[in-house]
Amino acid sequence: MDHEPNPSSQHLFDELALHGYRPFEDESDPRPLPSSDAATLALDSAAKALCDLFPDTRLEADLPDLLWSFVNLFHSKADRVTRDLDDNETARRRSQAE
């Protein structure tokens, strides 16, 4: 049975082809980063959604820990990126010295 993509789903396939690419670890990622404004708005909305979810529930006391965990995700990623950059700089200096 021959299946042709539904024309209405063609846009989805185009987006997957364009942005579904996952580079190997040693390749740069050609996908754009979100704009600063879009990221700020989305993160503010996510934090507000978490804050609005737990008041007057038995989980309200856990909200500070949950919010810290949310922020810690980004701190951890920033630390990993910094370590990778430091490792890259060390490798570059070692290569130049050789």
PDB file of N, CA and C in Angstrom:
ATOM      1  N   MET A   1       0.843  -1.169   0.000  1.00  0.00           N
ATOM      2  CA  MET A   1       0.000   0.000   0.000  1.00  0.00           C
ATOM      3  C   MET A   1       0.892   1.236   0.000  1.00  0.00           C
ATOM      4  N   ASP A   2       0.687   2.124  -0.941  1.00  0.00           N
ATOM      5  CA  ASP A   2       1.492   3.328  -1.077  1.00  0.00           C
ATOM      6  C   ASP A   2       0.844   4.466  -0.291  1.00  0.00           C
ATOM      7  N   HIS A   3       1.615   5.090   0.631  1.00  0.00           N
ATOM      8  CA  HIS A   3       1.073   6.168   1.452  1.00  0.00           C
ATOM      9  C   HIS A   3       1.703   7.483   1.051  1.00  0.00           C
ATOM     10  N   GLU A   4       0.908   8.437   0.703  1.00  0.00           N
ATOM     11  CA  GLU A   4       1.353   9.790   0.421  1.00  0.00           C
ATOM     12  C   GLU A   4       1.031  10.643   1.646  1.00  0.00           C
ATOM     13  N   PRO A   5       1.945  11.587   1.994  1.00  0.00           N
ATOM     14  CA  PRO A   5       1.633  12.443   3.144  1.00  0.00           C
ATOM     15  C   PRO A   5       0.396  13.288   2.877  1.00  0.00           C
ATOM     16  N   ASN A   6      -0.381  13.462   3.898  1.00  0.00           N
ATOM     17  CA  ASN A   6      -1.542  14.329   3.829  1.00  0.00           C
ATOM     18  C   ASN A   6      -1.037  15.753   3.583  1.00  0.00           C
ATOM     19  N   PRO A   7      -1.594  16.489   2.614  1.00  0.00           N
ATOM     20  CA  PRO A   7      -1.106  17.844   2.349  1.00  0.00           C
ATOM     21  C   PRO A   7      -1.151  18.743   3.573  1.00  0.00           C
ATOM     22  N   SER A   8      -2.109  18.536   4.456  1.00  0.00           N
ATOM     23  CA  SER A   8      -2.181  19.373   5.648  1.00  0.00           C
ATOM     24  C   SER A   8      -1.065  19.061   6.636  1.00  0.00           C
ATOM     25  N   SER A   9      -0.478  17.873   6.545  1.00  0.00           N
ATOM     26  CA  SER A   9       0.619  17.519   7.443  1.00  0.00           C
ATOM     27  C   SER A   9       1.980  17.799   6.806  1.00  0.00           C
ATOM     28  N   GLN A  10       2.006  18.258   5.579  1.00  0.00           N
ATOM     29  CA  GLN A  10       3.284  18.531   4.910  1.00  0.00           C
ATOM     30  C   GLN A  10       4.096  19.574   5.669  1.00  0.00           C
ATOM     31  N   HIS A  11       3.401  20.574   6.228  1.00  0.00           N
ATOM     32  CA  HIS A  11       4.105  21.594   6.997  1.00  0.00           C
ATOM     33  C   HIS A  11       4.843  20.966   8.186  1.00  0.00           C
ATOM     34  N   LEU A  12       4.203  20.005   8.851  1.00  0.00           N
ATOM     35  CA  LEU A  12       4.828  19.309   9.970  1.00  0.00           C
ATOM     36  C   LEU A  12       6.086  18.579   9.518  1.00  0.00           C
ATOM     37  N   PHE A  13       6.006  17.893   8.392  1.00  0.00           N
ATOM     38  CA  PHE A  13       7.181  17.187   7.875  1.00  0.00           C
ATOM     39  C   PHE A  13       8.303  18.163   7.510  1.00  0.00           C
ATOM     40  N   ASP A  14       7.931  19.301   6.946  1.00  0.00           N
ATOM     41  CA  ASP A  14       8.937  20.320   6.609  1.00  0.00           C
ATOM     42  C   ASP A  14       9.626  20.833   7.866  1.00  0.00           C
ATOM     43  N   GLU A  15       8.843  21.081   8.923  1.00  0.00           N
ATOM     44  CA  GLU A  15       9.416  21.550  10.188  1.00  0.00           C
ATOM     45  C   GLU A  15      10.323  20.495  10.804  1.00  0.00           C
ATOM     46  N   LEU A  16       9.898  19.235  10.766  1.00  0.00           N
ATOM     47  CA  LEU A  16      10.736  18.166  11.304  1.00  0.00           C
ATOM     48  C   LEU A  16      12.037  18.047  10.525  1.00  0.00           C
ATOM     49  N   ALA A  17      11.959  18.185   9.216  1.00  0.00           N
ATOM     50  CA  ALA A  17      13.166  18.106   8.398  1.00  0.00           C
ATOM     51  C   ALA A  17      14.098  19.260   8.710  1.00  0.00           C
ATOM     52  N   LEU A  18      13.535  20.439   8.959  1.00  0.00           N
ATOM     53  CA  LEU A  18      14.355  21.617   9.214  1.00  0.00           C
ATOM     54  C   LEU A  18      14.894  21.650  10.641  1.00  0.00           C
ATOM     55  N   HIS A  19      14.042  21.375  11.620  1.00  0.00           N
ATOM     56  CA  HIS A  19      14.430  21.551  13.021  1.00  0.00           C
ATOM     57  C   HIS A  19      14.558  20.244  13.794  1.00  0.00           C
ATOM     58  N   GLY A  20      14.213  19.118  13.194  1.00  0.00           N
ATOM     59  CA  GLY A  20      14.316  17.844  13.885  1.00  0.00           C
ATOM     60  C   GLY A  20      15.721  17.266  13.840  1.00  0.00           C
ATOM     61  N   TYR A  21      16.603  17.930  13.166  1.00  0.00           N
ATOM     62  CA  TYR A  21      17.988  17.484  13.030  1.00  0.00           C
ATOM     63  C   TYR A  21      18.686  17.552  14.376  1.00  0.00           C
ATOM     64  N   ARG A  22      19.362  16.476  14.748  1.00  0.00           N
ATOM     65  CA  ARG A  22      20.143  16.461  15.979  1.00  0.00           C
ATOM     66  C   ARG A  22      21.601  16.213  15.602  1.00  0.00           C
ATOM     67  N   PRO A  23      22.440  17.220  15.749  1.00  0.00           N
ATOM     68  CA  PRO A  23      23.842  17.055  15.359  1.00  0.00           C
ATOM     69  C   PRO A  23      24.569  16.097  16.298  1.00  0.00           C
ATOM     70  N   PHE A  24      25.670  15.548  15.787  1.00  0.00           N
ATOM     71  CA  PHE A  24      26.522  14.737  16.632  1.00  0.00           C
ATOM     72  C   PHE A  24      27.190  15.637  17.662  1.00  0.00           C
ATOM     73  N   GLU A  25      27.785  15.044  18.676  1.00  0.00           N
ATOM     74  CA  GLU A  25      28.350  15.816  19.778  1.00  0.00           C
ATOM     75  C   GLU A  25      29.436  16.785  19.326  1.00  0.00           C
ATOM     76  N   ASP A  26      30.189  16.421  18.284  1.00  0.00           N
ATOM     77  CA  ASP A  26      31.284  17.278  17.835  1.00  0.00           C
ATOM     78  C   ASP A  26      30.871  18.258  16.742  1.00  0.00           C
ATOM     79  N   GLU A  27      29.584  18.330  16.422  1.00  0.00           N
ATOM     80  CA  GLU A  27      29.079  19.242  15.406  1.00  0.00           C
ATOM     81  C   GLU A  27      28.331  20.400  16.072  1.00  0.00           C
ATOM     82  N   SER A  28      28.349  21.555  15.423  1.00  0.00           N
ATOM     83  CA  SER A  28      27.561  22.666  15.941  1.00  0.00           C
ATOM     84  C   SER A  28      26.096  22.456  15.551  1.00  0.00           C
ATOM     85  N   ASP A  29      25.220  23.038  16.314  1.00  0.00           N
ATOM     86  CA  ASP A  29      23.786  22.900  16.078  1.00  0.00           C
ATOM     87  C   ASP A  29      23.309  24.104  15.277  1.00  0.00           C
ATOM     88  N   PRO A  30      22.813  23.892  14.052  1.00  0.00           N
ATOM     89  CA  PRO A  30      22.428  25.028  13.209  1.00  0.00           C
ATOM     90  C   PRO A  30      21.075  25.639  13.569  1.00  0.00           C
ATOM     91  N   ARG A  31      20.345  25.026  14.483  1.00  0.00           N
ATOM     92  CA  ARG A  31      19.023  25.551  14.823  1.00  0.00           C
ATOM     93  C   ARG A  31      19.152  26.854  15.601  1.00  0.00           C
ATOM     94  N   PRO A  32      18.229  27.787  15.380  1.00  0.00           N
ATOM     95  CA  PRO A  32      18.321  29.071  16.092  1.00  0.00           C
ATOM     96  C   PRO A  32      17.928  28.923  17.555  1.00  0.00           C
ATOM     97  N   LEU A  33      18.481  29.796  18.383  1.00  0.00           N
ATOM     98  CA  LEU A  33      18.060  29.881  19.775  1.00  0.00           C
ATOM     99  C   LEU A  33      16.784  30.710  19.834  1.00  0.00           C
ATOM    100  N   PRO A  34      15.986  30.513  20.871  1.00  0.00           N
ATOM    101  CA  PRO A  34      14.794  31.362  20.989  1.00  0.00           C
ATOM    102  C   PRO A  34      15.216  32.800  21.266  1.00  0.00           C
ATOM    103  N   SER A  35      14.392  33.741  20.868  1.00  0.00           N
ATOM    104  CA  SER A  35      14.705  35.144  21.146  1.00  0.00           C
ATOM    105  C   SER A  35      14.659  35.365  22.656  1.00  0.00           C
ATOM    106  N   SER A  36      15.369  36.367  23.106  1.00  0.00           N
ATOM    107  CA  SER A  36      15.408  36.683  24.530  1.00  0.00           C
ATOM    108  C   SER A  36      14.012  37.019  25.047  1.00  0.00           C
ATOM    109  N   ASP A  37      13.252  37.776  24.276  1.00  0.00           N
ATOM    110  CA  ASP A  37      11.899  38.142  24.700  1.00  0.00           C
ATOM    111  C   ASP A  37      10.992  36.921  24.804  1.00  0.00           C
ATOM    112  N   ALA A  38      11.068  36.037  23.811  1.00  0.00           N
ATOM    113  CA  ALA A  38      10.228  34.831  23.827  1.00  0.00           C
ATOM    114  C   ALA A  38      10.604  33.933  25.001  1.00  0.00           C
ATOM    115  N   ALA A  39      11.906  33.791  25.263  1.00  0.00           N
ATOM    116  CA  ALA A  39      12.351  32.946  26.372  1.00  0.00           C
ATOM    117  C   ALA A  39      11.906  33.533  27.712  1.00  0.00           C
ATOM    118  N   THR A  40      12.063  34.837  27.871  1.00  0.00           N
ATOM    119  CA  THR A  40      11.650  35.488  29.113  1.00  0.00           C
ATOM    120  C   THR A  40      10.159  35.306  29.352  1.00  0.00           C
ATOM    121  N   LEU A  41       9.354  35.519  28.319  1.00  0.00           N
ATOM    122  CA  LEU A  41       7.908  35.369  28.444  1.00  0.00           C
ATOM    123  C   LEU A  41       7.530  33.931  28.795  1.00  0.00           C
ATOM    124  N   ALA A  42       8.140  32.971  28.118  1.00  0.00           N
ATOM    125  CA  ALA A  42       7.807  31.568  28.365  1.00  0.00           C
ATOM    126  C   ALA A  42       8.227  31.135  29.770  1.00  0.00           C
ATOM    127  N   LEU A  43       9.408  31.544  30.206  1.00  0.00           N
ATOM    128  CA  LEU A  43       9.864  31.162  31.544  1.00  0.00           C
ATOM    129  C   LEU A  43       9.038  31.837  32.629  1.00  0.00           C
ATOM    130  N   ASP A  44       8.674  33.095  32.403  1.00  0.00           N
ATOM    131  CA  ASP A  44       7.789  33.770  33.359  1.00  0.00           C
ATOM    132  C   ASP A  44       6.446  33.046  33.451  1.00  0.00           C
ATOM    133  N   SER A  45       5.925  32.649  32.303  1.00  0.00           N
ATOM    134  CA  SER A  45       4.639  31.942  32.279  1.00  0.00           C
ATOM    135  C   SER A  45       4.742  30.597  32.990  1.00  0.00           C
ATOM    136  N   ALA A  46       5.852  29.885  32.780  1.00  0.00           N
ATOM    137  CA  ALA A  46       6.028  28.584  33.427  1.00  0.00           C
ATOM    138  C   ALA A  46       6.120  28.742  34.944  1.00  0.00           C
ATOM    139  N   ALA A  47       6.888  29.731  35.406  1.00  0.00           N
ATOM    140  CA  ALA A  47       7.023  29.951  36.846  1.00  0.00           C
ATOM    141  C   ALA A  47       5.676  30.362  37.444  1.00  0.00           C
ATOM    142  N   LYS A  48       4.954  31.227  36.737  1.00  0.00           N
ATOM    143  CA  LYS A  48       3.634  31.646  37.236  1.00  0.00           C
ATOM    144  C   LYS A  48       2.676  30.461  37.287  1.00  0.00           C
ATOM    145  N   ALA A  49       2.738  29.604  36.278  1.00  0.00           N
ATOM    146  CA  ALA A  49       1.862  28.421  36.276  1.00  0.00           C
ATOM    147  C   ALA A  49       2.160  27.529  37.473  1.00  0.00           C
ATOM    148  N   LEU A  50       3.429  27.347  37.798  1.00  0.00           N
ATOM    149  CA  LEU A  50       3.785  26.547  38.973  1.00  0.00           C
ATOM    150  C   LEU A  50       3.280  27.216  40.244  1.00  0.00           C
ATOM    151  N   CYS A  51       3.459  28.527  40.333  1.00  0.00           N
ATOM    152  CA  CYS A  51       3.007  29.248  41.534  1.00  0.00           C
ATOM    153  C   CYS A  51       1.491  29.210  41.679  1.00  0.00           C
ATOM    154  N   ASP A  52       0.782  29.221  40.554  1.00  0.00           N
ATOM    155  CA  ASP A  52      -0.689  29.194  40.599  1.00  0.00           C
ATOM    156  C   ASP A  52      -1.246  27.798  40.860  1.00  0.00           C
ATOM    157  N   LEU A  53      -0.436  26.779  40.636  1.00  0.00           N
ATOM    158  CA  LEU A  53      -0.912  25.406  40.746  1.00  0.00           C
ATOM    159  C   LEU A  53      -1.047  24.920  42.193  1.00  0.00           C
ATOM    160  N   PHE A  54      -0.163  25.341  43.082  1.00  0.00           N
ATOM    161  CA  PHE A  54      -0.067  24.728  44.399  1.00  0.00           C
ATOM    162  C   PHE A  54      -0.706  25.465  45.579  1.00  0.00           C
ATOM    163  N   PRO A  55      -1.045  26.739  45.482  1.00  0.00           N
ATOM    164  CA  PRO A  55      -1.654  27.371  46.667  1.00  0.00           C
ATOM    165  C   PRO A  55      -2.920  26.638  47.111  1.00  0.00           C
ATOM    166  N   ASP A  56      -3.101  26.600  48.402  1.00  0.00           N
ATOM    167  CA  ASP A  56      -4.273  25.959  49.013  1.00  0.00           C
ATOM    168  C   ASP A  56      -4.372  24.469  48.705  1.00  0.00           C
ATOM    169  N   THR A  57      -3.210  23.843  48.454  1.00  0.00           N
ATOM    170  CA  THR A  57      -3.174  22.393  48.290  1.00  0.00           C
ATOM    171  C   THR A  57      -2.165  21.839  49.284  1.00  0.00           C
ATOM    172  N   ARG A  58      -2.143  20.537  49.418  1.00  0.00           N
ATOM    173  CA  ARG A  58      -1.182  19.928  50.336  1.00  0.00           C
ATOM    174  C   ARG A  58       0.256  20.053  49.842  1.00  0.00           C
ATOM    175  N   LEU A  59       0.441  20.456  48.592  1.00  0.00           N
ATOM    176  CA  LEU A  59       1.791  20.617  48.037  1.00  0.00           C
ATOM    177  C   LEU A  59       2.315  22.052  48.133  1.00  0.00           C
ATOM    178  N   GLU A  60       1.542  22.940  48.717  1.00  0.00           N
ATOM    179  CA  GLU A  60       1.941  24.346  48.804  1.00  0.00           C
ATOM    180  C   GLU A  60       3.287  24.510  49.514  1.00  0.00           C
ATOM    181  N   ALA A  61       3.545  23.736  50.538  1.00  0.00           N
ATOM    182  CA  ALA A  61       4.808  23.847  51.274  1.00  0.00           C
ATOM    183  C   ALA A  61       6.009  23.425  50.421  1.00  0.00           C
ATOM    184  N   ASP A  62       5.766  22.643  49.367  1.00  0.00           N
ATOM    185  CA  ASP A  62       6.853  22.183  48.500  1.00  0.00           C
ATOM    186  C   ASP A  62       7.171  23.163  47.378  1.00  0.00           C
ATOM    187  N   LEU A  63       6.398  24.225  47.248  1.00  0.00           N
ATOM    188  CA  LEU A  63       6.586  25.155  46.141  1.00  0.00           C
ATOM    189  C   LEU A  63       7.980  25.773  46.092  1.00  0.00           C
ATOM    190  N   PRO A  64       8.546  26.249  47.203  1.00  0.00           N
ATOM    191  CA  PRO A  64       9.896  26.814  47.108  1.00  0.00           C
ATOM    192  C   PRO A  64      10.932  25.812  46.574  1.00  0.00           C
ATOM    193  N   ASP A  65      10.848  24.567  47.025  1.00  0.00           N
ATOM    194  CA  ASP A  65      11.778  23.547  46.533  1.00  0.00           C
ATOM    195  C   ASP A  65      11.556  23.273  45.052  1.00  0.00           C
ATOM    196  N   LEU A  66      10.308  23.237  44.636  1.00  0.00           N
ATOM    197  CA  LEU A  66       9.983  23.002  43.233  1.00  0.00           C
ATOM    198  C   LEU A  66      10.507  24.136  42.355  1.00  0.00           C
ATOM    199  N   LEU A  67      10.303  25.369  42.790  1.00  0.00           N
ATOM    200  CA  LEU A  67      10.793  26.515  42.019  1.00  0.00           C
ATOM    201  C   LEU A  67      12.321  26.517  41.957  1.00  0.00           C
ATOM    202  N   TRP A  68      12.972  26.186  43.071  1.00  0.00           N
ATOM    203  CA  TRP A  68      14.430  26.124  43.040  1.00  0.00           C
ATOM    204  C   TRP A  68      14.898  25.041  42.068  1.00  0.00           C
ATOM    205  N   SER A  69      14.231  23.904  42.050  1.00  0.00           N
ATOM    206  CA  SER A  69      14.594  22.833  41.117  1.00  0.00           C
ATOM    207  C   SER A  69      14.449  23.298  39.674  1.00  0.00           C
ATOM    208  N   PHE A  70      13.405  24.051  39.400  1.00  0.00           N
ATOM    209  CA  PHE A  70      13.189  24.599  38.063  1.00  0.00           C
ATOM    210  C   PHE A  70      14.351  25.512  37.659  1.00  0.00           C
ATOM    211  N   VAL A  71      14.738  26.403  38.560  1.00  0.00           N
ATOM    212  CA  VAL A  71      15.856  27.311  38.285  1.00  0.00           C
ATOM    213  C   VAL A  71      17.159  26.531  38.186  1.00  0.00           C
ATOM    214  N   ASN A  72      17.312  25.522  39.032  1.00  0.00           N
ATOM    215  CA  ASN A  72      18.549  24.744  39.063  1.00  0.00           C
ATOM    216  C   ASN A  72      18.798  24.022  37.736  1.00  0.00           C
ATOM    217  N   LEU A  73      17.740  23.672  36.997  1.00  0.00           N
ATOM    218  CA  LEU A  73      17.922  23.079  35.667  1.00  0.00           C
ATOM    219  C   LEU A  73      18.786  23.979  34.790  1.00  0.00           C
ATOM    220  N   PHE A  74      18.496  25.267  34.820  1.00  0.00           N
ATOM    221  CA  PHE A  74      19.225  26.212  33.982  1.00  0.00           C
ATOM    222  C   PHE A  74      20.622  26.474  34.528  1.00  0.00           C
ATOM    223  N   HIS A  75      20.762  26.503  35.842  1.00  0.00           N
ATOM    224  CA  HIS A  75      22.094  26.665  36.435  1.00  0.00           C
ATOM    225  C   HIS A  75      22.986  25.478  36.056  1.00  0.00           C
ATOM    226  N   SER A  76      22.436  24.282  36.129  1.00  0.00           N
ATOM    227  CA  SER A  76      23.208  23.084  35.791  1.00  0.00           C
ATOM    228  C   SER A  76      23.639  23.096  34.332  1.00  0.00           C
ATOM    229  N   LYS A  77      22.745  23.496  33.455  1.00  0.00           N
ATOM    230  CA  LYS A  77      23.089  23.562  32.030  1.00  0.00           C
ATOM    231  C   LYS A  77      24.170  24.614  31.801  1.00  0.00           C
ATOM    232  N   ALA A  78      24.060  25.757  32.451  1.00  0.00           N
ATOM    233  CA  ALA A  78      25.073  26.803  32.305  1.00  0.00           C
ATOM    234  C   ALA A  78      26.428  26.302  32.810  1.00  0.00           C
ATOM    235  N   ASP A  79      26.432  25.565  33.908  1.00  0.00           N
ATOM    236  CA  ASP A  79      27.681  24.994  34.430  1.00  0.00           C
ATOM    237  C   ASP A  79      28.288  24.003  33.438  1.00  0.00           C
ATOM    238  N   ARG A  80      27.448  23.158  32.822  1.00  0.00           N
ATOM    239  CA  ARG A  80      27.952  22.189  31.830  1.00  0.00           C
ATOM    240  C   ARG A  80      28.550  22.898  30.622  1.00  0.00           C
ATOM    241  N   VAL A  81      27.886  23.944  30.168  1.00  0.00           N
ATOM    242  CA  VAL A  81      28.394  24.699  29.018  1.00  0.00           C
ATOM    243  C   VAL A  81      29.727  25.358  29.375  1.00  0.00           C
ATOM    244  N   THR A  82      29.813  25.916  30.561  1.00  0.00           N
ATOM    245  CA  THR A  82      31.060  26.543  31.008  1.00  0.00           C
ATOM    246  C   THR A  82      32.181  25.521  31.084  1.00  0.00           C
ATOM    247  N   ARG A  83      31.904  24.339  31.627  1.00  0.00           N
ATOM    248  CA  ARG A  83      32.927  23.284  31.689  1.00  0.00           C
ATOM    249  C   ARG A  83      33.362  22.862  30.296  1.00  0.00           C
ATOM    250  N   ASP A  84      32.400  22.718  29.378  1.00  0.00           N
ATOM    251  CA  ASP A  84      32.740  22.342  28.005  1.00  0.00           C
ATOM    252  C   ASP A  84      33.624  23.400  27.347  1.00  0.00           C
ATOM    253  N   LEU A  85      33.306  24.671  27.584  1.00  0.00           N
ATOM    254  CA  LEU A  85      34.129  25.743  27.021  1.00  0.00           C
ATOM    255  C   LEU A  85      35.534  25.732  27.626  1.00  0.00           C
ATOM    256  N   ASP A  86      35.607  25.501  28.928  1.00  0.00           N
ATOM    257  CA  ASP A  86      36.914  25.423  29.580  1.00  0.00           C
ATOM    258  C   ASP A  86      37.726  24.237  29.051  1.00  0.00           C
ATOM    259  N   ASP A  87      37.076  23.094  28.876  1.00  0.00           N
ATOM    260  CA  ASP A  87      37.755  21.917  28.318  1.00  0.00           C
ATOM    261  C   ASP A  87      38.243  22.193  26.907  1.00  0.00           C
ATOM    262  N   ASN A  88      37.422  22.878  26.126  1.00  0.00           N
ATOM    263  CA  ASN A  88      37.797  23.223  24.755  1.00  0.00           C
ATOM    264  C   ASN A  88      39.006  24.152  24.747  1.00  0.00           C
ATOM    265  N   GLU A  89      39.014  25.133  25.636  1.00  0.00           N
ATOM    266  CA  GLU A  89      40.140  26.069  25.722  1.00  0.00           C
ATOM    267  C   GLU A  89      41.417  25.345  26.143  1.00  0.00           C
ATOM    268  N   THR A  90      41.304  24.437  27.097  1.00  0.00           N
ATOM    269  CA  THR A  90      42.465  23.655  27.531  1.00  0.00           C
ATOM    270  C   THR A  90      42.998  22.807  26.390  1.00  0.00           C
ATOM    271  N   ALA A  91      42.121  22.164  25.661  1.00  0.00           N
ATOM    272  CA  ALA A  91      42.532  21.331  24.521  1.00  0.00           C
ATOM    273  C   ALA A  91      43.169  22.180  23.438  1.00  0.00           C
ATOM    274  N   ARG A  92      42.647  23.375  23.194  1.00  0.00           N
ATOM    275  CA  ARG A  92      43.224  24.266  22.187  1.00  0.00           C
ATOM    276  C   ARG A  92      44.636  24.688  22.589  1.00  0.00           C
ATOM    277  N   ARG A  93      44.826  25.047  23.855  1.00  0.00           N
ATOM    278  CA  ARG A  93      46.162  25.443  24.326  1.00  0.00           C
ATOM    279  C   ARG A  93      47.148  24.272  24.245  1.00  0.00           C
ATOM    280  N   ARG A  94      46.685  23.076  24.619  1.00  0.00           N
ATOM    281  CA  ARG A  94      47.537  21.907  24.546  1.00  0.00           C
ATOM    282  C   ARG A  94      47.940  21.637  23.099  1.00  0.00           C
ATOM    283  N   SER A  95      47.001  21.781  22.199  1.00  0.00           N
ATOM    284  CA  SER A  95      47.273  21.551  20.780  1.00  0.00           C
ATOM    285  C   SER A  95      48.261  22.576  20.252  1.00  0.00           C
ATOM    286  N   GLN A  96      48.129  23.830  20.646  1.00  0.00           N
ATOM    287  CA  GLN A  96      49.060  24.865  20.206  1.00  0.00           C
ATOM    288  C   GLN A  96      50.454  24.611  20.759  1.00  0.00           C
ATOM    289  N   ALA A  97      50.518  24.130  22.004  1.00  0.00           N
ATOM    290  CA  ALA A  97      51.817  23.873  22.619  1.00  0.00           C
ATOM    291  C   ALA A  97      52.537  22.723  21.920  1.00  0.00           C
ATOM    292  N   GLU A  98      51.779  21.752  21.447  1.00  0.00           N
ATOM    293  CA  GLU A  98      52.378  20.618  20.751  1.00  0.00           C
ATOM    294  C   GLU A  98      52.845  21.036  19.380  1.00  0.00           C
TER     295      GLU A  98
END
